[in-house]
Amino acid sequence: METAIRGRLSLSPNTVFSPKPGEKRSLCRGPCINRGILMAISTTGPSKGGGILEKPVIERTTPGRESEFDLRKSRKIAPPYRVMLHNNNYNKREYVVQILMKVIPGMTLDNAVNIMQEAHYNGLAVVIICAQADAEEHCMQLRGNGLLSSIEPASGGC
């Protein structure tokens, strides 16, 4: 394979290959996206064994810029909020189950029935724990369908 690469690109052993934008000797076909990667093609000598592709050295194109992983890690994670369902004497239990399944994404029939029963017997039930913006939206949708609901910070995490 090394001779095929060397033959096509006219490179000698131990040549450092770092294509420039628009250079004809590029290994990329079409637009080459990763121009910050340098590759070295070398051989162990005239013996059999072919070429060795060394570990690529990745250069940062913008000095001082953090990687995407570092940016995500440094972002402050919003504290979770609980969406609470309050018991009321106005809505039938079947209707409450129906609205929970309609408003809360991924809500199953069994979970909706359990939440409805907990609110009915205890006066209050946790519907979902999520980000504050989502909790506010779910609460407003539940209220818009005639259910009593509120949100509160979920202290201690999920």
C-alpha atoms as a PDB file:
ATOM      1  CA  MET A   1       0.000   0.000   0.000  1.00  0.00           C
ATOM      2  CA  GLU A   2       2.888   2.339   0.813  1.00  0.00           C
ATOM      3  CA  THR A   3       4.236   2.026  -2.719  1.00  0.00           C
ATOM      4  CA  ALA A   4       0.786   2.698  -4.124  1.00  0.00           C
ATOM      5  CA  ILE A   5       0.518   5.847  -2.055  1.00  0.00           C
ATOM      6  CA  ARG A   6       4.090   6.839  -2.797  1.00  0.00           C
ATOM      7  CA  GLY A   7       3.614   6.038  -6.499  1.00  0.00           C
ATOM      8  CA  ARG A   8       0.489   8.117  -6.830  1.00  0.00           C
ATOM      9  CA  LEU A   9       1.749  11.059  -4.837  1.00  0.00           C
ATOM     10  CA  SER A  10       5.432  10.832  -5.812  1.00  0.00           C
ATOM     11  CA  LEU A  11       6.530  10.944  -2.188  1.00  0.00           C
ATOM     12  CA  SER A  12       9.733   9.476  -0.859  1.00  0.00           C
ATOM     13  CA  PRO A  13       9.950   7.693   2.496  1.00  0.00           C
ATOM     14  CA  ASN A  14       9.989   9.943   5.584  1.00  0.00           C
ATOM     15  CA  THR A  15       8.315  12.789   3.672  1.00  0.00           C
ATOM     16  CA  VAL A  16       5.973  14.865   5.785  1.00  0.00           C
ATOM     17  CA  PHE A  17       2.754  15.361   3.901  1.00  0.00           C
ATOM     18  CA  SER A  18       0.808  18.462   4.907  1.00  0.00           C
ATOM     19  CA  PRO A  19      -1.572  19.539   2.156  1.00  0.00           C
ATOM     20  CA  LYS A  20      -2.369  23.206   1.699  1.00  0.00           C
ATOM     21  CA  PRO A  21      -5.802  24.424   0.601  1.00  0.00           C
ATOM     22  CA  GLY A  22      -6.144  23.885  -3.139  1.00  0.00           C
ATOM     23  CA  GLU A  23      -2.991  21.731  -3.405  1.00  0.00           C
ATOM     24  CA  LYS A  24      -3.280  18.988  -6.023  1.00  0.00           C
ATOM     25  CA  ARG A  25      -1.379  16.385  -3.977  1.00  0.00           C
ATOM     26  CA  SER A  26      -4.043  16.178  -1.268  1.00  0.00           C
ATOM     27  CA  LEU A  27      -5.231  12.727  -0.100  1.00  0.00           C
ATOM     28  CA  CYS A  28      -8.772  14.071   0.139  1.00  0.00           C
ATOM     29  CA  ARG A  29     -11.202  13.732  -2.710  1.00  0.00           C
ATOM     30  CA  GLY A  30     -13.466  16.742  -2.927  1.00  0.00           C
ATOM     31  CA  PRO A  31     -13.285  19.409  -0.228  1.00  0.00           C
ATOM     32  CA  CYS A  32     -10.951  18.411   2.612  1.00  0.00           C
ATOM     33  CA  ILE A  33     -12.516  19.385   5.902  1.00  0.00           C
ATOM     34  CA  ASN A  34      -9.824  18.551   8.476  1.00  0.00           C
ATOM     35  CA  ARG A  35      -6.997  20.807   7.319  1.00  0.00           C
ATOM     36  CA  GLY A  36      -5.672  21.055  10.890  1.00  0.00           C
ATOM     37  CA  ILE A  37      -4.436  17.438  10.859  1.00  0.00           C
ATOM     38  CA  LEU A  38      -0.872  16.706   9.789  1.00  0.00           C
ATOM     39  CA  MET A  39      -0.009  13.189   8.665  1.00  0.00           C
ATOM     40  CA  ALA A  40       3.466  11.725   8.358  1.00  0.00           C
ATOM     41  CA  ILE A  41       4.101   8.856   5.964  1.00  0.00           C
ATOM     42  CA  SER A  42       7.263   6.944   6.711  1.00  0.00           C
ATOM     43  CA  THR A  43       8.808   3.526   6.241  1.00  0.00           C
ATOM     44  CA  THR A  44      11.039   1.388   8.375  1.00  0.00           C
ATOM     45  CA  GLY A  45      13.609   1.143   5.618  1.00  0.00           C
ATOM     46  CA  PRO A  46      14.067  -0.829   2.400  1.00  0.00           C
ATOM     47  CA  SER A  47      12.916  -4.087   4.051  1.00  0.00           C
ATOM     48  CA  LYS A  48       9.481  -5.646   3.675  1.00  0.00           C
ATOM     49  CA  GLY A  49       6.697  -4.414   5.875  1.00  0.00           C
ATOM     50  CA  GLY A  50       5.397  -1.406   4.048  1.00  0.00           C
ATOM     51  CA  GLY A  51       4.751   2.034   5.395  1.00  0.00           C
ATOM     52  CA  ILE A  52       3.632   3.106   8.819  1.00  0.00           C
ATOM     53  CA  LEU A  53       1.030   5.773   9.267  1.00  0.00           C
ATOM     54  CA  GLU A  54       2.024   7.615  12.406  1.00  0.00           C
ATOM     55  CA  LYS A  55      -0.450   9.031  14.873  1.00  0.00           C
ATOM     56  CA  PRO A  56      -1.897  12.269  13.476  1.00  0.00           C
ATOM     57  CA  VAL A  57      -0.900  15.482  15.192  1.00  0.00           C
ATOM     58  CA  ILE A  58      -3.923  17.728  15.583  1.00  0.00           C
ATOM     59  CA  GLU A  59      -3.212  21.430  15.556  1.00  0.00           C
ATOM     60  CA  ARG A  60      -5.655  23.939  16.953  1.00  0.00           C
ATOM     61  CA  THR A  61      -6.606  26.366  14.242  1.00  0.00           C
ATOM     62  CA  THR A  62      -7.662  29.000  16.762  1.00  0.00           C
ATOM     63  CA  PRO A  63      -5.168  29.286  19.637  1.00  0.00           C
ATOM     64  CA  GLY A  64      -6.789  29.494  23.067  1.00  0.00           C
ATOM     65  CA  ARG A  65     -10.172  28.191  21.926  1.00  0.00           C
ATOM     66  CA  GLU A  66     -11.625  25.462  24.108  1.00  0.00           C
ATOM     67  CA  SER A  67     -12.845  22.219  22.600  1.00  0.00           C
ATOM     68  CA  GLU A  68     -16.573  21.480  22.301  1.00  0.00           C
ATOM     69  CA  PHE A  69     -16.268  18.999  25.197  1.00  0.00           C
ATOM     70  CA  ASP A  70     -14.732  21.656  27.473  1.00  0.00           C
ATOM     71  CA  LEU A  71     -17.475  24.137  26.579  1.00  0.00           C
ATOM     72  CA  ARG A  72     -20.230  21.650  27.406  1.00  0.00           C
ATOM     73  CA  LYS A  73     -18.511  20.678  30.632  1.00  0.00           C
ATOM     74  CA  SER A  74     -18.113  24.277  31.777  1.00  0.00           C
ATOM     75  CA  ARG A  75     -21.721  25.262  31.089  1.00  0.00           C
ATOM     76  CA  LYS A  76     -23.797  25.505  34.201  1.00  0.00           C
ATOM     77  CA  ILE A  77     -26.503  22.856  34.254  1.00  0.00           C
ATOM     78  CA  ALA A  78     -29.934  24.264  35.096  1.00  0.00           C
ATOM     79  CA  PRO A  79     -31.392  22.837  38.302  1.00  0.00           C
ATOM     80  CA  PRO A  80     -34.277  20.400  37.821  1.00  0.00           C
ATOM     81  CA  TYR A  81     -37.878  21.322  38.651  1.00  0.00           C
ATOM     82  CA  ARG A  82     -40.832  19.164  39.649  1.00  0.00           C
ATOM     83  CA  VAL A  83     -44.194  19.532  37.952  1.00  0.00           C
ATOM     84  CA  MET A  84     -46.798  18.888  40.641  1.00  0.00           C
ATOM     85  CA  LEU A  85     -50.398  17.786  40.064  1.00  0.00           C
ATOM     86  CA  HIS A  86     -52.923  18.849  42.703  1.00  0.00           C
ATOM     87  CA  ASN A  87     -56.137  16.994  43.392  1.00  0.00           C
ATOM     88  CA  ASN A  88     -59.373  18.739  42.493  1.00  0.00           C
ATOM     89  CA  ASN A  89     -63.027  17.786  42.744  1.00  0.00           C
ATOM     90  CA  TYR A  90     -63.944  19.068  39.285  1.00  0.00           C
ATOM     91  CA  ASN A  91     -62.329  16.687  36.814  1.00  0.00           C
ATOM     92  CA  LYS A  92     -63.045  13.003  36.372  1.00  0.00           C
ATOM     93  CA  ARG A  93     -60.137  10.635  36.869  1.00  0.00           C
ATOM     94  CA  GLU A  94     -60.274   9.400  33.275  1.00  0.00           C
ATOM     95  CA  TYR A  95     -59.985  12.976  32.016  1.00  0.00           C
ATOM     96  CA  VAL A  96     -56.914  13.623  34.195  1.00  0.00           C
ATOM     97  CA  VAL A  97     -55.219  10.488  32.812  1.00  0.00           C
ATOM     98  CA  GLN A  98     -56.061  11.567  29.261  1.00  0.00           C
ATOM     99  CA  ILE A  99     -54.601  15.063  29.761  1.00  0.00           C
ATOM    100  CA  LEU A 100     -51.421  13.735  31.394  1.00  0.00           C
ATOM    101  CA  MET A 101     -50.811  11.469  28.397  1.00  0.00           C
ATOM    102  CA  LYS A 102     -51.530  14.321  25.986  1.00  0.00           C
ATOM    103  CA  VAL A 103     -49.341  16.969  27.670  1.00  0.00           C
ATOM    104  CA  ILE A 104     -46.341  15.035  29.027  1.00  0.00           C
ATOM    105  CA  PRO A 105     -44.084  13.490  26.350  1.00  0.00           C
ATOM    106  CA  GLY A 106     -43.551   9.758  26.807  1.00  0.00           C
ATOM    107  CA  MET A 107     -46.250   9.425  29.474  1.00  0.00           C
ATOM    108  CA  THR A 108     -47.644   5.890  29.506  1.00  0.00           C
ATOM    109  CA  LEU A 109     -51.141   4.894  30.544  1.00  0.00           C
ATOM    110  CA  ASP A 110     -49.833   3.090  33.640  1.00  0.00           C
ATOM    111  CA  ASN A 111     -47.779   6.094  34.782  1.00  0.00           C
ATOM    112  CA  ALA A 112     -50.647   8.498  34.149  1.00  0.00           C
ATOM    113  CA  VAL A 113     -53.038   6.315  36.206  1.00  0.00           C
ATOM    114  CA  ASN A 114     -50.500   6.087  39.062  1.00  0.00           C
ATOM    115  CA  ILE A 115     -49.950   9.856  39.090  1.00  0.00           C
ATOM    116  CA  MET A 116     -53.689  10.524  39.003  1.00  0.00           C
ATOM    117  CA  GLN A 117     -54.317   8.104  41.895  1.00  0.00           C
ATOM    118  CA  GLU A 118     -51.510   9.567  43.987  1.00  0.00           C
ATOM    119  CA  ALA A 119     -52.888  13.086  43.493  1.00  0.00           C
ATOM    120  CA  HIS A 120     -56.422  11.850  44.271  1.00  0.00           C
ATOM    121  CA  TYR A 121     -55.496  10.058  47.513  1.00  0.00           C
ATOM    122  CA  ASN A 122     -52.619  12.250  48.776  1.00  0.00           C
ATOM    123  CA  GLY A 123     -53.725  15.597  47.342  1.00  0.00           C
ATOM    124  CA  LEU A 124     -50.460  16.041  45.402  1.00  0.00           C
ATOM    125  CA  ALA A 125     -48.302  14.040  42.959  1.00  0.00           C
ATOM    126  CA  VAL A 126     -45.047  14.575  41.048  1.00  0.00           C
ATOM    127  CA  VAL A 127     -45.794  14.430  37.329  1.00  0.00           C
ATOM    128  CA  ILE A 128     -42.278  14.890  35.896  1.00  0.00           C
ATOM    129  CA  ILE A 129     -38.880  16.303  36.854  1.00  0.00           C
ATOM    130  CA  CYS A 130     -37.276  18.395  34.114  1.00  0.00           C
ATOM    131  CA  ALA A 131     -35.626  21.718  33.271  1.00  0.00           C
ATOM    132  CA  GLN A 132     -37.356  24.856  34.493  1.00  0.00           C
ATOM    133  CA  ALA A 133     -38.482  26.016  31.044  1.00  0.00           C
ATOM    134  CA  ASP A 134     -40.011  22.602  30.275  1.00  0.00           C
ATOM    135  CA  ALA A 135     -41.611  22.443  33.719  1.00  0.00           C
ATOM    136  CA  GLU A 136     -43.232  25.839  33.206  1.00  0.00           C
ATOM    137  CA  GLU A 137     -44.542  24.764  29.802  1.00  0.00           C
ATOM    138  CA  HIS A 138     -45.983  21.470  31.132  1.00  0.00           C
ATOM    139  CA  CYS A 139     -47.581  23.301  34.063  1.00  0.00           C
ATOM    140  CA  MET A 140     -49.223  25.844  31.762  1.00  0.00           C
ATOM    141  CA  GLN A 141     -50.526  23.097  29.468  1.00  0.00           C
ATOM    142  CA  LEU A 142     -51.987  21.171  32.403  1.00  0.00           C
ATOM    143  CA  ARG A 143     -53.645  24.355  33.697  1.00  0.00           C
ATOM    144  CA  GLY A 144     -54.884  25.165  30.198  1.00  0.00           C
ATOM    145  CA  ASN A 145     -56.719  21.833  30.226  1.00  0.00           C
ATOM    146  CA  GLY A 146     -58.385  22.532  33.573  1.00  0.00           C
ATOM    147  CA  LEU A 147     -56.004  20.700  35.924  1.00  0.00           C
ATOM    148  CA  LEU A 148     -54.427  22.255  39.005  1.00  0.00           C
ATOM    149  CA  SER A 149     -50.650  22.153  38.795  1.00  0.00           C
ATOM    150  CA  SER A 150     -47.567  23.939  40.039  1.00  0.00           C
ATOM    151  CA  ILE A 151     -43.778  23.694  39.790  1.00  0.00           C
ATOM    152  CA  GLU A 152     -41.093  23.669  42.468  1.00  0.00           C
ATOM    153  CA  PRO A 153     -37.323  23.189  42.497  1.00  0.00           C
ATOM    154  CA  ALA A 154     -36.353  19.543  42.800  1.00  0.00           C
ATOM    155  CA  SER A 155     -33.905  19.869  45.688  1.00  0.00           C
ATOM    156  CA  GLY A 156     -31.360  17.077  45.841  1.00  0.00           C
ATOM    157  CA  GLY A 157     -31.407  16.407  42.083  1.00  0.00           C
ATOM    158  CA  CYS A 158     -33.538  13.966  40.148  1.00  0.00           C
END
